[in-house]
C-alpha cells in the first residue's frame, strides 16, 4: 500500500489537496474552501492523537477528512477548532449542538 502520496497546502481561502506528480501529471490540485468544512471533532491516527476529523459539504456531507490539528491551528481554518474547544470544556454528558 502506498503512503504519503497526497500533498496538502493551505491558504487564507482553503485547503489544496494534490497527488504527488509521479502519480498524477495532468490534474490540478483539488481546492476545498474553509466554508465547506464543518463539524470538527477530535480524532487520532496510528502516529498521532492530535488529529481533527472534519466533514466536508453543506448541507449534504460529501466526505470526511482527518487532518493533523496543527494544519488548522496555523492557518485561516483555525476557526474550525472552536467546536473542539467547546467539546473539551463541556461537562460530561452535556449536549452541545442540537440537529
Foldseek 3Di string as FASTA:
>chain_A
DDPPQWDWDAALFFIWIDGPCVVPVPDDTDTAGLVQWADWEFDADPVGRQWIKIFGHPPDGPDIDIGRNVVCVPYNSVVRCVVVVCVVPDDPPDDDDDD
